[in-house]
């Protein structure tokens, strides 16, 4: 076992070279939502937390502007439920930052589209991301509430026709697996998007209750990998993914290519370092709680308005634990100490690991090549 893995760092001391403030923040501006989706990762956080008032968010934007933050992503809940959303956007712009919005699309109207034309709102907008999970209502509405597809597609079309930068995230799950070719055709050929992104339902949030109906089985995940790989070839690389079946297909293909070349690892792999976001960005939940990521809501760094964001960014043990996780060798883990493929792996998303095991320092089985190959020992532990 590596001696480095046994060294316990001082989690109040940031890694060498860390910037004085995050460049980017994910801001969940509301815990309210007009939908109740079957796999919402944020569902647990919506309970027992109140939305911050306008002035608290505007004060945060002033603080971020002074620190030189560059961009924020606004989400929820459903961000368009906030009547003051465009006032918040103007506060972001006043502090020289750019912004993006994540939305289910169902509340987008002509008035919404026209509001983007005021001031510098359109100029500073990176993108609006709409969630679409089917090519038709019969599919989309199985994982989202009934009658949501038509409204979401209408909102997407309005944004696209207005010339706003718009993209789509498709969350692959049991209900839309066979519809993926139709979804790609709808989004790229019909709506006319340059491309779209994909990920996968995880066993967290409301999917803890509805998991059997939405979470992919291992066999279904393999099919999703094949389908998305073929679609991405068909559409000349216009489908992107940072996680989920398409990302895993690329990752495993790279491992197999390297193995065929006689390599026993890849540069920068072999550690629990899959997440680099903790070095450049952080998140704020809708009640003002600062966290390393909105997928790590239990790792509290402080509360905006009560604690210095700059100090929390550098000195909070909650986020430094995620950063120093990156230095832990995979071979120090019980699951991976004897794994032939450890040098190719980076352990997977810490948010996914925390949701599964309630601890950070473990690998995510979804990204494990040994499991993918069916070579995992029967007595392997976390």
Protein backbone atom coordinates (compact mmCIF):
# COMPACT_ATOMS: atom_id res chain seq x y z
CA UNK A 1 0.00 0.00 0.00
CA UNK A 2 1.31 3.44 -0.92
CA UNK A 3 2.64 5.52 1.98
CA UNK A 4 1.12 8.54 0.24
CA UNK A 5 -2.32 7.02 0.76
CA UNK A 6 -1.65 6.82 4.51
CA UNK A 7 -0.71 10.49 4.85
CA UNK A 8 -3.54 12.57 6.32
CA UNK A 9 -3.34 16.13 4.97
CA UNK A 10 -4.35 19.25 6.87
CA UNK A 11 -7.72 19.90 5.23
CA UNK A 12 -7.67 23.57 6.21
CA UNK A 13 -4.67 24.09 3.91
CA UNK A 14 -5.48 24.29 0.18
CA UNK A 15 -3.43 22.49 -2.45
CA UNK A 16 -0.47 24.41 -3.83
CA UNK A 17 -1.39 26.76 -6.66
CA UNK A 18 -5.11 27.00 -5.91
CA UNK A 19 -6.64 30.27 -7.12
CA UNK A 20 -7.88 32.80 -4.57
CA UNK A 21 -11.48 32.29 -5.68
CA UNK A 22 -13.51 29.97 -7.94
CA UNK A 23 -13.74 30.86 -11.60
CA UNK A 24 -17.19 29.31 -11.92
CA UNK A 25 -20.14 28.60 -9.63
CA UNK A 26 -23.25 26.46 -9.89
CA UNK A 27 -26.10 28.33 -8.19
CA UNK A 28 -29.32 26.52 -7.35
CA UNK A 29 -31.43 29.67 -7.07
CA UNK A 30 -34.62 27.89 -6.00
CA UNK A 31 -35.73 24.61 -4.50
CA UNK A 32 -39.17 24.99 -6.05
CA UNK A 33 -40.12 23.14 -9.21
CA UNK A 34 -43.28 22.86 -11.28
CA UNK A 35 -42.43 19.24 -12.11
CA UNK A 36 -41.69 16.17 -10.04
CA UNK A 37 -39.36 14.05 -12.13
CA UNK A 38 -38.63 10.44 -11.26
CA UNK A 39 -34.87 10.86 -11.18
CA UNK A 40 -34.27 14.41 -9.88
CA UNK A 41 -30.88 14.38 -8.12
CA UNK A 42 -31.81 17.56 -6.23
CA UNK A 43 -35.08 16.23 -4.80
CA UNK A 44 -33.67 15.61 -1.30
CA UNK A 45 -32.39 19.19 -1.04
CA UNK A 46 -35.79 20.67 -1.91
CA UNK A 47 -37.16 19.56 1.46
CA UNK A 48 -36.68 21.78 4.51
CA UNK A 49 -34.72 24.57 2.82
CA UNK A 50 -36.01 28.06 1.97
CA UNK A 51 -35.06 30.11 -1.06
CA UNK A 52 -32.75 33.03 -0.44
CA UNK A 53 -34.33 36.46 -1.06
CA UNK A 54 -33.21 38.63 -3.95
CA UNK A 55 -30.92 40.86 -1.91
CA UNK A 56 -28.90 37.92 -0.57
CA UNK A 57 -28.19 36.67 -4.08
CA UNK A 58 -27.31 40.17 -5.30
CA UNK A 59 -24.90 40.57 -2.39
CA UNK A 60 -23.25 37.28 -3.40
CA UNK A 61 -22.85 38.53 -6.97
CA UNK A 62 -21.15 41.66 -5.66
CA UNK A 63 -18.79 39.46 -3.64
CA UNK A 64 -18.07 37.28 -6.66
CA UNK A 65 -17.46 40.31 -8.85
CA UNK A 66 -14.87 41.55 -6.38
CA UNK A 67 -13.16 38.15 -6.43
CA UNK A 68 -12.99 38.00 -10.21
CA UNK A 69 -15.36 35.06 -10.75
CA UNK A 70 -16.05 34.60 -14.46
CA UNK A 71 -19.32 32.73 -14.86
CA UNK A 72 -22.26 31.16 -13.03
CA UNK A 73 -24.83 28.52 -13.94
CA UNK A 74 -28.35 29.08 -12.61
CA UNK A 75 -30.50 26.07 -11.86
CA UNK A 76 -33.02 24.78 -9.34
CA UNK A 77 -35.54 23.38 -8.86
CA UNK A 78 -36.77 25.32 -11.84
CA UNK A 79 -35.00 28.65 -12.22
CA UNK A 80 -37.81 30.27 -14.22
CA UNK A 81 -40.12 29.96 -11.20
CA UNK A 82 -38.26 32.90 -9.64
CA UNK A 83 -40.11 36.08 -10.51
CA UNK A 84 -36.88 37.98 -9.93
CA UNK A 85 -34.78 35.76 -12.22
CA UNK A 86 -33.95 38.53 -14.67
CA UNK A 87 -33.15 40.88 -11.80
CA UNK A 88 -30.65 38.28 -10.62
CA UNK A 89 -29.27 38.00 -14.14
CA UNK A 90 -28.78 41.76 -14.26
CA UNK A 91 -26.88 41.53 -10.96
CA UNK A 92 -24.60 38.89 -12.48
CA UNK A 93 -23.98 41.06 -15.54
CA UNK A 94 -23.32 44.15 -13.41
CA UNK A 95 -20.47 42.21 -11.81
CA UNK A 96 -18.86 41.38 -15.14
CA UNK A 97 -19.78 37.69 -15.16
CA UNK A 98 -21.33 35.48 -17.81
CA UNK A 99 -24.16 33.06 -17.07
CA UNK A 100 -26.00 29.93 -18.19
CA UNK A 101 -29.42 28.57 -17.22
CA UNK A 102 -30.54 24.96 -16.73
CA UNK A 103 -34.29 24.50 -17.17
CA UNK A 104 -36.98 21.91 -17.84
CA UNK A 105 -38.23 24.28 -20.55
CA UNK A 106 -41.90 24.13 -19.65
CA UNK A 107 -42.16 27.72 -18.40
CA UNK A 108 -40.41 29.36 -21.34
CA UNK A 109 -42.79 31.77 -23.10
CA UNK A 110 -42.57 34.52 -25.67
CA UNK A 111 -42.27 37.00 -22.81
CA UNK A 112 -39.31 35.00 -21.50
CA UNK A 113 -37.58 35.12 -24.86
CA UNK A 114 -38.18 38.87 -25.23
CA UNK A 115 -36.78 39.51 -21.75
CA UNK A 116 -33.38 38.29 -22.92
CA UNK A 117 -33.22 41.22 -25.32
CA UNK A 118 -32.99 43.81 -22.54
CA UNK A 119 -29.60 45.30 -21.67
CA UNK A 120 -26.70 42.86 -22.00
CA UNK A 121 -28.68 39.75 -21.08
CA UNK A 122 -28.30 38.12 -24.48
CA UNK A 123 -24.68 39.23 -24.85
CA UNK A 124 -23.58 37.67 -21.56
CA UNK A 125 -25.60 34.45 -21.93
CA UNK A 126 -23.49 31.35 -22.53
CA UNK A 127 -26.46 29.02 -23.09
CA UNK A 128 -29.85 27.84 -21.93
CA UNK A 129 -29.93 24.07 -21.42
CA UNK A 130 -33.32 22.37 -21.75
CA UNK A 131 -33.99 18.83 -20.53
CA UNK A 132 -35.58 16.58 -23.17
CA UNK A 133 -35.95 12.87 -22.43
CA UNK A 134 -37.93 11.58 -25.38
CA UNK A 135 -38.87 12.21 -28.99
CA UNK A 136 -42.54 12.21 -28.06
CA UNK A 137 -44.75 12.61 -25.01
CA UNK A 138 -45.25 8.86 -24.55
CA UNK A 139 -41.55 8.51 -23.80
CA UNK A 140 -40.53 11.85 -22.23
CA UNK A 141 -43.48 11.86 -19.83
CA UNK A 142 -42.65 8.45 -18.39
CA UNK A 143 -39.73 9.86 -16.42
CA UNK A 144 -41.18 13.37 -16.11
CA UNK A 145 -44.75 14.41 -15.19
CA UNK A 146 -47.56 13.97 -17.74
CA UNK A 147 -48.06 16.72 -20.31
CA UNK A 148 -44.56 18.11 -19.83
CA UNK A 149 -43.13 17.11 -23.23
CA UNK A 150 -45.16 19.45 -25.41
CA UNK A 151 -44.37 22.42 -23.16
CA UNK A 152 -40.67 21.57 -22.98
CA UNK A 153 -40.38 21.16 -26.76
CA UNK A 154 -42.30 24.39 -27.32
CA UNK A 155 -39.92 26.23 -24.99
CA UNK A 156 -36.91 24.73 -26.76
CA UNK A 157 -38.22 25.76 -30.17
CA UNK A 158 -38.92 29.33 -29.00
CA UNK A 159 -35.40 29.72 -27.65
CA UNK A 160 -33.90 28.30 -30.85
CA UNK A 161 -36.05 30.43 -33.15
CA UNK A 162 -35.10 33.55 -31.18
CA UNK A 163 -31.46 32.86 -31.94
CA UNK A 164 -30.53 32.34 -28.30
CA UNK A 165 -27.70 29.88 -27.55
CA UNK A 166 -29.61 26.76 -26.57
CA UNK A 167 -28.63 23.18 -25.96
CA UNK A 168 -30.29 20.03 -24.63
CA UNK A 169 -29.38 17.45 -22.04
CA UNK A 170 -30.82 13.96 -22.51
CA UNK A 171 -30.70 11.83 -19.39
CA UNK A 172 -30.53 8.22 -20.51
CA UNK A 173 -32.77 5.87 -18.53
CA UNK A 174 -34.85 2.74 -18.91
CA UNK A 175 -37.81 4.61 -20.41
CA UNK A 176 -35.96 6.28 -23.29
CA UNK A 177 -33.21 3.81 -24.18
CA UNK A 178 -34.93 2.51 -27.31
CA UNK A 179 -35.99 6.03 -28.29
CA UNK A 180 -32.46 7.47 -28.47
CA UNK A 181 -32.25 7.37 -32.30
CA UNK A 182 -35.57 9.21 -32.52
CA UNK A 183 -34.44 11.76 -29.92
CA UNK A 184 -31.28 12.46 -31.91
CA UNK A 185 -33.31 12.86 -35.09
CA UNK A 186 -35.73 15.26 -33.37
CA UNK A 187 -33.07 17.46 -31.82
CA UNK A 188 -30.54 17.62 -34.66
CA UNK A 189 -32.64 17.22 -37.80
CA UNK A 190 -35.99 18.69 -36.74
CA UNK A 191 -35.22 21.33 -34.12
CA UNK A 192 -31.89 22.07 -35.81
CA UNK A 193 -29.51 21.98 -32.84
CA UNK A 194 -25.79 21.77 -33.49
CA UNK A 195 -25.75 18.82 -31.08
CA UNK A 196 -26.81 17.76 -27.59
CA UNK A 197 -25.41 16.28 -24.39
CA UNK A 198 -26.17 13.05 -22.59
CA UNK A 199 -25.73 11.60 -19.14
CA UNK A 200 -27.39 8.81 -17.14
CA UNK A 201 -29.81 8.46 -14.25
CA UNK A 202 -27.97 7.89 -10.97
CA UNK A 203 -29.32 6.22 -7.84
CA UNK A 204 -29.77 9.50 -5.94
CA UNK A 205 -32.54 11.96 -5.14
CA UNK A 206 -35.96 10.80 -6.31
CA UNK A 207 -34.37 7.90 -8.21
CA UNK A 208 -33.89 6.25 -4.81
CA UNK A 209 -37.66 5.75 -4.83
CA UNK A 210 -38.19 5.11 -8.54
CA UNK A 211 -34.88 3.43 -9.31
CA UNK A 212 -36.29 0.19 -10.69
CA UNK A 213 -38.27 2.09 -13.30
CA UNK A 214 -35.54 4.49 -14.47
CA UNK A 215 -32.02 3.28 -13.55
CA UNK A 216 -30.36 1.27 -16.32
CA UNK A 217 -29.51 -2.37 -15.71
CA UNK A 218 -25.96 -3.46 -16.65
CA UNK A 219 -27.26 -5.00 -19.87
CA UNK A 220 -29.19 -1.84 -20.73
CA UNK A 221 -26.12 0.28 -20.06
CA UNK A 222 -24.15 -1.79 -22.57
CA UNK A 223 -26.91 -1.26 -25.14
CA UNK A 224 -26.91 2.47 -24.42
CA UNK A 225 -23.14 2.58 -24.97
CA UNK A 226 -23.52 0.89 -28.35
CA UNK A 227 -26.50 2.98 -29.46
CA UNK A 228 -24.93 6.31 -28.52
CA UNK A 229 -21.58 5.40 -30.07
CA UNK A 230 -23.30 4.57 -33.36
CA UNK A 231 -25.44 7.72 -33.23
CA UNK A 232 -22.40 9.87 -32.54
CA UNK A 233 -20.70 8.42 -35.59
CA UNK A 234 -23.83 8.96 -37.65
CA UNK A 235 -24.05 12.60 -36.56
CA UNK A 236 -20.30 13.21 -36.88
CA UNK A 237 -19.47 13.82 -33.23
CA UNK A 238 -22.40 16.09 -32.41
CA UNK A 239 -23.38 14.15 -29.27
CA UNK A 240 -21.28 14.96 -26.22
CA UNK A 241 -20.97 13.47 -22.75
CA UNK A 242 -18.88 14.04 -19.64
CA UNK A 243 -20.51 11.09 -17.87
CA UNK A 244 -22.92 8.27 -18.62
CA UNK A 245 -22.93 5.57 -21.32
CA UNK A 246 -21.29 7.53 -24.15
CA UNK A 247 -18.47 8.79 -21.93
CA UNK A 248 -17.93 5.27 -20.62
CA UNK A 249 -17.86 3.81 -24.12
CA UNK A 250 -15.10 6.25 -25.05
CA UNK A 251 -13.21 5.57 -21.83
CA UNK A 252 -13.34 1.79 -22.20
CA UNK A 253 -12.38 2.01 -25.89
CA UNK A 254 -9.31 4.03 -24.92
CA UNK A 255 -8.35 1.39 -22.34
CA UNK A 256 -8.70 -1.41 -24.88
CA UNK A 257 -6.64 0.50 -27.44
CA UNK A 258 -3.91 1.06 -24.85
CA UNK A 259 -3.94 -2.58 -23.74
CA UNK A 260 -3.56 -3.66 -27.35
CA UNK A 261 -0.45 -1.45 -27.50
CA UNK A 262 1.00 -3.19 -24.44
CA UNK A 263 0.47 -0.26 -22.08
CA UNK A 264 -0.36 -0.76 -18.39
CA UNK A 265 -1.83 2.67 -17.75
CA UNK A 266 -2.55 6.16 -19.07
CA UNK A 267 -0.98 9.49 -18.11
CA UNK A 268 -2.69 11.12 -15.14
CA UNK A 269 -4.63 7.98 -14.19
CA UNK A 270 -4.33 5.56 -11.30
CA UNK A 271 -5.58 8.04 -8.67
CA UNK A 272 -9.04 9.12 -7.47
CA UNK A 273 -8.70 12.22 -9.60
CA UNK A 274 -11.61 12.03 -12.05
CA UNK A 275 -13.08 15.30 -10.73
CA UNK A 276 -11.08 18.41 -11.48
CA UNK A 277 -14.01 20.73 -10.93
CA UNK A 278 -13.14 21.20 -7.26
CA UNK A 279 -10.04 23.14 -8.37
CA UNK A 280 -11.96 25.76 -10.35
CA UNK A 281 -15.59 25.82 -9.24
CA UNK A 282 -18.04 25.27 -6.39
CA UNK A 283 -21.79 25.44 -5.76
CA UNK A 284 -24.37 27.23 -3.65
CA UNK A 285 -27.67 25.59 -2.72
CA UNK A 286 -30.90 27.59 -2.75
CA UNK A 287 -30.78 28.33 0.99
CA UNK A 288 -27.27 29.77 0.70
CA UNK A 289 -25.32 26.70 1.80
CA UNK A 290 -21.93 26.55 0.09
CA UNK A 291 -20.86 23.09 -1.08
CA UNK A 292 -18.11 21.75 -3.35
CA UNK A 293 -20.69 20.62 -5.91
CA UNK A 294 -24.47 20.34 -6.01
CA UNK A 295 -23.93 16.55 -6.20
CA UNK A 296 -22.22 16.77 -2.79
CA UNK A 297 -24.88 18.62 -0.76
CA UNK A 298 -23.84 17.17 2.61
CA UNK A 299 -20.30 18.58 2.44
CA UNK A 300 -21.07 21.99 3.90
CA UNK A 301 -18.48 24.76 3.46
CA UNK A 302 -20.48 27.55 5.10
CA UNK A 303 -23.39 29.86 4.32
CA UNK A 304 -23.21 32.87 2.03
CA UNK A 305 -23.66 36.14 3.89
CA UNK A 306 -22.50 34.52 7.11
CA UNK A 307 -19.13 33.17 5.98
CA UNK A 308 -16.56 34.50 3.55
CA UNK A 309 -16.81 32.69 0.24
CA UNK A 310 -13.13 33.30 -0.48
CA UNK A 311 -12.09 31.82 2.86
CA UNK A 312 -14.44 28.85 2.44
CA UNK A 313 -13.07 28.27 -1.05
CA UNK A 314 -9.52 27.94 0.18
CA UNK A 315 -9.78 26.67 3.76
CA UNK A 316 -12.96 24.61 4.10
CA UNK A 317 -12.19 20.96 4.95
CA UNK A 318 -15.33 20.00 3.00
CA UNK A 319 -13.96 21.03 -0.38
CA UNK A 320 -10.32 20.28 0.44
CA UNK A 321 -11.31 16.70 1.20
CA UNK A 322 -12.49 16.43 -2.42
CA UNK A 323 -9.28 18.06 -3.67
CA UNK A 324 -6.94 15.83 -1.66
CA UNK A 325 -8.96 12.81 -2.76
CA UNK A 326 -7.23 13.35 -6.08
CA UNK A 327 -3.93 12.26 -4.55
CA UNK A 328 -5.20 8.88 -3.31
CA UNK A 329 -3.89 5.91 -5.35
CA UNK A 330 -6.54 3.51 -6.52
CA UNK A 331 -4.33 0.63 -5.40
CA UNK A 332 -4.83 1.77 -1.80
CA UNK A 333 -8.54 0.82 -2.04
CA UNK A 334 -9.72 -2.70 -1.10
CA UNK A 335 -11.62 -2.93 -4.41
CA UNK A 336 -8.64 -1.99 -6.54
CA UNK A 337 -5.44 -3.04 -4.74
CA UNK A 338 -4.85 -5.97 -7.10
CA UNK A 339 -6.55 -4.61 -10.21
CA UNK A 340 -4.65 -5.00 -13.48
CA UNK A 341 -6.42 -1.93 -14.85
CA UNK A 342 -5.86 0.48 -11.96
CA UNK A 343 -3.41 2.50 -14.03
CA UNK A 344 -6.16 3.32 -16.53
CA UNK A 345 -8.77 4.44 -14.01
CA UNK A 346 -9.54 7.66 -12.14
CA UNK A 347 -12.25 6.40 -9.80
CA UNK A 348 -15.36 8.15 -11.05
CA UNK A 349 -17.50 11.03 -9.82
CA UNK A 350 -17.17 11.71 -6.06
CA UNK A 351 -20.84 12.75 -5.99
CA UNK A 352 -21.87 9.38 -7.38
CA UNK A 353 -19.59 7.60 -4.91
CA UNK A 354 -20.97 9.60 -1.97
CA UNK A 355 -24.55 8.84 -3.00
CA UNK A 356 -23.82 5.11 -3.14
CA UNK A 357 -21.59 4.66 -0.09
CA UNK A 358 -21.81 7.85 2.03
CA UNK A 359 -18.05 8.26 1.79
CA UNK A 360 -15.69 9.94 -0.66
CA UNK A 361 -12.68 7.68 -0.92
CA UNK A 362 -14.01 4.82 -3.01
CA UNK A 363 -14.36 4.03 -6.70
CA UNK A 364 -17.63 4.21 -8.61
CA UNK A 365 -18.48 0.73 -9.95
CA UNK A 366 -20.19 2.27 -13.00
CA UNK A 367 -16.81 3.37 -14.39
CA UNK A 368 -14.86 0.24 -13.44
CA UNK A 369 -13.34 -1.53 -16.43
CA UNK A 370 -12.82 -4.74 -14.43
CA UNK A 371 -16.55 -4.86 -13.67
CA UNK A 372 -17.31 -4.03 -17.30
CA UNK A 373 -15.21 -7.04 -18.35
CA UNK A 374 -16.90 -9.30 -15.77
CA UNK A 375 -13.61 -9.87 -13.92
CA UNK A 376 -14.54 -8.35 -10.55
CA UNK A 377 -13.75 -10.76 -7.66
CA UNK A 378 -16.87 -11.94 -5.87
CA UNK A 379 -15.64 -10.77 -2.45
CA UNK A 380 -14.69 -7.22 -3.53
CA UNK A 381 -15.66 -4.53 -1.02
CA UNK A 382 -16.06 -0.77 -1.20
